Amino acid sequence: MKKLLYSLLKKPFFGRFNKPWRWPDDINQADWKRLSFKSESGAKISALVAESLTEDIKGAVLLCHPMGVSAKGFWLRYGHAQLLRQSGYHVMVFDFNGFGESGSTNMDFPLDVLAAGNALQNQYPNLALGLIGASLGGAMSVCAMTSPTHPFKAAVIESAFPTLMHFWRPYPLPKLALQFVQLIYPSGEKRVRPVHAANILAGRPDMLLIYGEADKFTTVAHGKLLFDALKRNTEAEFWQVEGATHTHAYAAQPKEYESRVLSFLEKSLVLT
């Protein structure tokens, strides 16, 4: 009964993304090792891990995908994973529950981030861990970092909404469904509210927030709300990207993205 209820609640938000996952074109599948592990959300999570392409290993990075049928393939398709591997980082991509090849349970997505982070740390126990999350992945990553057991020293958060309502307000059916969730399960909705999470971060991970000037879904103003909350509790930077649409700062400004993101990770992922 509970599984059916969660399925009905998730449908207005994510139903159109429940399609079979496919490898992005032109990706060498042999570079990637498959992993699966259990999340406390109850789902079996599907992940891929690839090693750095250099011998100078600087850390390991978890990539948390935005909403979309491509799910974990987003990072392969648009080159983020390759950039990190060429720059000295081991990389893990994974599917949130209900996306890609992962099982579907509830909407407690921060638990999936924690499970993936712990799985990556188990793969590389002697390395510092960073995180890059976009949209849904960025927002749920901020929420995951309220847990005292999270393994992340630094996070790059792109196009993350400050609250679910900020993102879904323009869409009548998801907005109504969210209002219903807030009514029947207010504590659950609060757990996935990034501006609330910003006040109770654990471990003070360094943060780089990225928002596109051409983003119609999570605007620069939305980003500033989250940034203002985060900078009260940790070291946070804000990059406003000219010409960037939702989750596509790398495509809009590739050279500056490389410079900013790689220098941020190299500075922050230092084991002490």
Protein backbone atom coordinates (compact mmCIF):
# COMPACT_ATOMS: atom_id res chain seq x y z
CA MET A 1 0.00 0.00 0.00
CA LYS A 2 2.78 2.43 0.93
CA LYS A 3 4.63 1.67 -2.33
CA LEU A 4 1.47 2.42 -4.33
CA LEU A 5 0.97 5.72 -2.46
CA TYR A 6 4.54 6.84 -3.16
CA SER A 7 4.13 5.85 -6.81
CA LEU A 8 1.00 8.00 -7.12
CA LEU A 9 2.63 10.94 -5.33
CA LYS A 10 5.74 10.83 -7.54
CA LYS A 11 3.86 10.60 -10.84
CA PRO A 12 2.97 14.33 -11.24
CA PHE A 13 6.61 15.27 -10.66
CA PHE A 14 8.62 12.53 -12.33
CA GLY A 15 6.23 10.29 -14.29
CA ARG A 16 7.41 11.47 -17.71
CA PHE A 17 10.98 10.43 -16.89
CA ASN A 18 10.17 6.77 -16.13
CA LYS A 19 11.58 5.34 -19.34
CA PRO A 20 14.28 2.74 -20.05
CA TRP A 21 17.82 4.07 -19.57
CA ARG A 22 20.22 4.08 -22.52
CA TRP A 23 23.95 4.68 -22.73
CA PRO A 24 24.71 8.05 -24.34
CA ASP A 25 26.15 7.86 -27.82
CA ASP A 26 29.93 7.81 -28.28
CA ILE A 27 30.64 6.69 -24.70
CA ASN A 28 33.11 3.84 -24.27
CA GLN A 29 31.23 1.53 -21.91
CA ALA A 30 34.42 -0.41 -21.15
CA ASP A 31 35.72 2.61 -19.20
CA TRP A 32 32.95 2.24 -16.64
CA LYS A 33 32.43 -0.36 -13.90
CA ARG A 34 28.89 -1.09 -12.76
CA LEU A 35 27.99 -0.93 -9.07
CA SER A 36 24.74 -1.36 -7.17
CA PHE A 37 23.99 -0.73 -3.51
CA LYS A 38 21.06 -0.23 -1.18
CA SER A 39 19.88 3.21 -0.13
CA GLU A 40 18.04 3.86 3.11
CA SER A 41 15.26 5.14 0.85
CA GLY A 42 14.68 1.42 0.31
CA ALA A 43 15.79 1.44 -3.32
CA LYS A 44 18.52 -0.51 -5.04
CA ILE A 45 20.70 2.17 -6.63
CA SER A 46 22.46 1.73 -9.96
CA ALA A 47 25.84 3.44 -10.41
CA LEU A 48 28.88 3.60 -12.69
CA VAL A 49 32.47 4.28 -11.62
CA ALA A 50 35.41 5.28 -13.81
CA GLU A 51 39.04 5.90 -12.89
CA SER A 52 41.10 9.02 -13.42
CA LEU A 53 42.90 9.21 -16.75
CA THR A 54 46.02 10.64 -15.09
CA GLU A 55 48.40 9.24 -12.47
CA ASP A 56 48.18 12.40 -10.36
CA ILE A 57 45.06 11.49 -8.37
CA LYS A 58 43.47 14.49 -6.65
CA GLY A 59 40.32 12.92 -5.22
CA ALA A 60 37.02 11.28 -6.13
CA VAL A 61 33.84 13.08 -7.20
CA LEU A 62 30.20 12.00 -7.02
CA LEU A 63 27.94 13.41 -9.76
CA CYS A 64 24.24 13.84 -8.85
CA HIS A 65 22.03 14.22 -11.91
CA PRO A 66 19.18 16.62 -12.73
CA MET A 67 15.69 15.45 -13.61
CA GLY A 68 15.54 13.81 -17.02
CA VAL A 69 15.34 10.52 -18.85
CA SER A 70 19.13 10.50 -19.28
CA ALA A 71 19.56 10.41 -15.46
CA LYS A 72 23.21 9.48 -14.69
CA GLY A 73 23.95 9.66 -18.42
CA PHE A 74 23.69 13.46 -18.25
CA TRP A 75 27.25 13.66 -16.94
CA LEU A 76 28.60 11.36 -19.65
CA ARG A 77 26.68 13.02 -22.48
CA TYR A 78 27.73 16.59 -21.72
CA GLY A 79 31.37 15.92 -20.87
CA HIS A 80 31.56 16.64 -17.14
CA ALA A 81 32.72 13.14 -16.26
CA GLN A 82 35.43 13.17 -18.93
CA LEU A 83 36.66 16.59 -17.79
CA LEU A 84 37.05 15.34 -14.22
CA ARG A 85 38.77 12.11 -15.25
CA GLN A 86 41.23 14.04 -17.41
CA SER A 87 41.92 16.31 -14.44
CA GLY A 88 42.88 13.63 -11.91
CA TYR A 89 39.58 12.55 -10.34
CA HIS A 90 37.88 9.20 -10.04
CA VAL A 91 34.19 9.61 -10.83
CA MET A 92 30.91 7.98 -9.83
CA VAL A 93 27.56 8.64 -11.51
CA PHE A 94 24.32 7.12 -10.20
CA ASP A 95 20.55 7.14 -10.73
CA PHE A 96 18.25 8.52 -8.06
CA ASN A 97 15.53 6.11 -7.07
CA GLY A 98 12.81 6.09 -9.72
CA PHE A 99 15.21 7.28 -12.44
CA GLY A 100 17.35 5.37 -14.92
CA GLU A 101 18.18 1.87 -13.75
CA SER A 102 17.52 2.36 -10.03
CA GLY A 103 14.47 0.98 -8.27
CA SER A 104 11.69 3.35 -7.22
CA THR A 105 10.60 3.92 -3.64
CA ASN A 106 9.89 7.28 -2.01
CA MET A 107 11.04 10.88 -2.51
CA ASP A 108 13.70 10.86 0.20
CA PHE A 109 16.40 11.49 -2.42
CA PRO A 110 19.02 12.81 0.04
CA LEU A 111 19.31 9.23 1.31
CA ASP A 112 20.32 8.16 -2.21
CA VAL A 113 23.06 10.81 -2.24
CA LEU A 114 24.37 9.52 1.10
CA ALA A 115 24.31 5.91 -0.09
CA ALA A 116 26.19 6.83 -3.27
CA GLY A 117 28.72 8.93 -1.35
CA ASN A 118 29.41 6.11 1.08
CA ALA A 119 29.76 3.63 -1.79
CA LEU A 120 32.28 5.93 -3.48
CA GLN A 121 34.21 6.38 -0.23
CA ASN A 122 34.33 2.60 0.13
CA GLN A 123 35.87 2.40 -3.33
CA TYR A 124 38.53 5.01 -2.48
CA PRO A 125 38.87 5.14 1.32
CA ASN A 126 42.09 7.16 1.24
CA LEU A 127 40.82 9.96 -1.00
CA ALA A 128 38.89 13.15 -0.24
CA LEU A 129 35.42 13.22 -1.77
CA GLY A 130 33.76 16.04 -3.67
CA LEU A 131 30.30 16.31 -5.17
CA ILE A 132 28.78 18.01 -8.19
CA GLY A 133 25.00 18.20 -8.33
CA ALA A 134 22.68 19.83 -10.86
CA SER A 135 19.07 20.93 -10.32
CA LEU A 136 17.37 18.06 -8.44
CA GLY A 137 20.79 16.54 -7.80
CA GLY A 138 22.17 19.78 -6.44
CA ALA A 139 19.20 20.48 -4.20
CA MET A 140 19.11 16.96 -2.77
CA SER A 141 22.87 17.06 -2.21
CA VAL A 142 22.56 20.15 -0.02
CA CYS A 143 19.90 18.30 1.98
CA ALA A 144 22.10 15.20 2.23
CA MET A 145 24.88 17.24 3.78
CA THR A 146 22.83 17.82 6.92
CA SER A 147 23.71 14.25 7.90
CA PRO A 148 26.70 13.99 10.27
CA THR A 149 27.76 10.87 8.36
CA HIS A 150 28.07 12.50 4.93
CA PRO A 151 31.56 12.02 3.42
CA PHE A 152 31.89 15.20 1.33
CA LYS A 153 34.51 17.91 1.81
CA ALA A 154 33.24 20.16 -0.99
CA ALA A 155 30.30 20.53 -3.35
CA VAL A 156 29.59 22.28 -6.64
CA ILE A 157 25.85 23.00 -6.78
CA GLU A 158 24.37 24.13 -10.10
CA SER A 159 20.80 25.28 -10.81
CA ALA A 160 19.46 24.04 -7.47
CA PHE A 161 16.05 25.26 -6.31
CA PRO A 162 15.86 26.79 -2.79
CA THR A 163 12.57 24.94 -2.15
CA LEU A 164 10.46 22.54 -4.18
CA MET A 165 7.72 25.15 -4.43
CA HIS A 166 10.09 27.63 -6.09
CA PHE A 167 10.59 25.09 -8.88
CA TRP A 168 7.07 23.66 -9.22
CA ARG A 169 4.93 26.78 -8.65
CA PRO A 170 4.41 27.45 -12.42
CA TYR A 171 3.07 23.91 -13.00
CA PRO A 172 -0.53 23.45 -11.73
CA LEU A 173 -0.64 19.67 -11.22
CA PRO A 174 2.80 19.28 -9.54
CA LYS A 175 2.07 22.39 -7.45
CA LEU A 176 -1.19 20.84 -6.23
CA ALA A 177 0.57 17.54 -5.51
CA LEU A 178 3.28 19.35 -3.56
CA GLN A 179 0.70 21.21 -1.49
CA PHE A 180 -0.88 17.84 -0.70
CA VAL A 181 2.51 16.44 0.37
CA GLN A 182 3.09 19.49 2.59
CA LEU A 183 -0.29 18.88 4.19
CA ILE A 184 -0.01 15.15 4.88
CA TYR A 185 3.77 14.85 5.39
CA PRO A 186 5.22 18.24 6.38
CA SER A 187 8.35 16.80 8.01
CA GLY A 188 9.19 14.88 4.81
CA GLU A 189 8.85 17.99 2.66
CA LYS A 190 11.03 19.91 5.11
CA ARG A 191 13.80 17.30 4.76
CA VAL A 192 14.06 18.06 1.03
CA ARG A 193 14.05 21.86 1.41
CA PRO A 194 17.57 23.16 0.63
CA VAL A 195 17.18 26.54 2.36
CA HIS A 196 16.29 24.69 5.55
CA ALA A 197 19.20 22.29 5.10
CA ALA A 198 21.58 25.22 4.65
CA ASN A 199 21.00 26.16 8.30
CA ILE A 200 21.97 22.74 9.66
CA LEU A 201 24.86 21.63 7.43
CA ALA A 202 27.23 19.10 8.97
CA GLY A 203 30.98 19.45 8.63
CA ARG A 204 30.99 22.85 6.87
CA PRO A 205 31.75 21.56 3.33
CA ASP A 206 33.00 24.24 0.92
CA MET A 207 30.37 25.24 -1.63
CA LEU A 208 30.48 26.67 -5.14
CA LEU A 209 27.02 27.70 -6.41
CA ILE A 210 26.46 28.12 -10.16
CA TYR A 211 23.42 29.75 -11.77
CA GLY A 212 22.77 30.67 -15.39
CA GLU A 213 21.51 34.09 -16.41
CA ALA A 214 19.30 32.41 -19.06
CA ASP A 215 17.88 29.80 -16.67
CA LYS A 216 14.07 30.05 -16.62
CA PHE A 217 13.57 27.26 -14.07
CA THR A 218 15.94 28.14 -11.24
CA THR A 219 16.78 31.77 -11.66
CA VAL A 220 19.73 33.73 -10.34
CA ALA A 221 17.36 35.20 -7.74
CA HIS A 222 16.52 31.67 -6.57
CA GLY A 223 20.22 30.93 -6.36
CA LYS A 224 20.88 34.00 -4.25
CA LEU A 225 18.26 32.83 -1.73
CA LEU A 226 20.12 29.55 -1.27
CA PHE A 227 23.53 31.25 -1.32
CA ASP A 228 22.53 33.72 1.40
CA ALA A 229 21.45 30.80 3.60
CA LEU A 230 24.58 28.74 2.93
CA LYS A 231 27.17 31.47 3.43
CA ARG A 232 26.03 31.93 7.02
CA ASN A 233 27.18 28.40 7.82
CA THR A 234 30.05 27.54 5.50
CA GLU A 235 32.52 28.92 2.94
CA ALA A 236 30.44 29.57 -0.18
CA GLU A 237 31.12 31.12 -3.58
CA PHE A 238 28.61 32.24 -6.24
CA TRP A 239 29.14 32.22 -10.01
CA GLN A 240 26.51 33.87 -12.22
CA VAL A 241 27.02 32.49 -15.74
CA GLU A 242 26.31 34.64 -18.77
CA GLY A 243 24.25 32.83 -21.42
CA ALA A 244 23.79 29.62 -19.43
CA THR A 245 20.45 27.82 -19.47
CA HIS A 246 19.27 25.35 -16.82
CA THR A 247 22.13 22.98 -15.80
CA HIS A 248 24.27 23.96 -18.81
CA ALA A 249 26.95 26.29 -17.46
CA TYR A 250 29.65 24.00 -18.85
CA ALA A 251 28.22 24.25 -22.38
CA ALA A 252 27.81 28.03 -22.14
CA GLN A 253 31.24 28.86 -20.70
CA PRO A 254 33.47 25.76 -21.01
CA LYS A 255 36.83 27.40 -20.34
CA GLU A 256 35.65 29.38 -17.34
CA TYR A 257 33.75 26.35 -16.01
CA GLU A 258 36.92 24.27 -16.19
CA SER A 259 38.94 26.98 -14.48
CA ARG A 260 36.47 27.70 -11.69
CA VAL A 261 35.30 24.18 -10.92
CA LEU A 262 38.69 22.49 -11.13
CA SER A 263 40.45 25.14 -9.05
CA PHE A 264 37.65 24.96 -6.47
CA LEU A 265 37.92 21.17 -6.20
CA GLU A 266 41.70 21.19 -6.06
CA LYS A 267 41.68 23.80 -3.30
CA SER A 268 38.93 22.12 -1.29
CA LEU A 269 39.76 18.41 -1.62
CA VAL A 270 42.88 18.50 0.48
CA LEU A 271 43.18 15.78 3.10
CA THR A 272 44.23 17.11 6.51
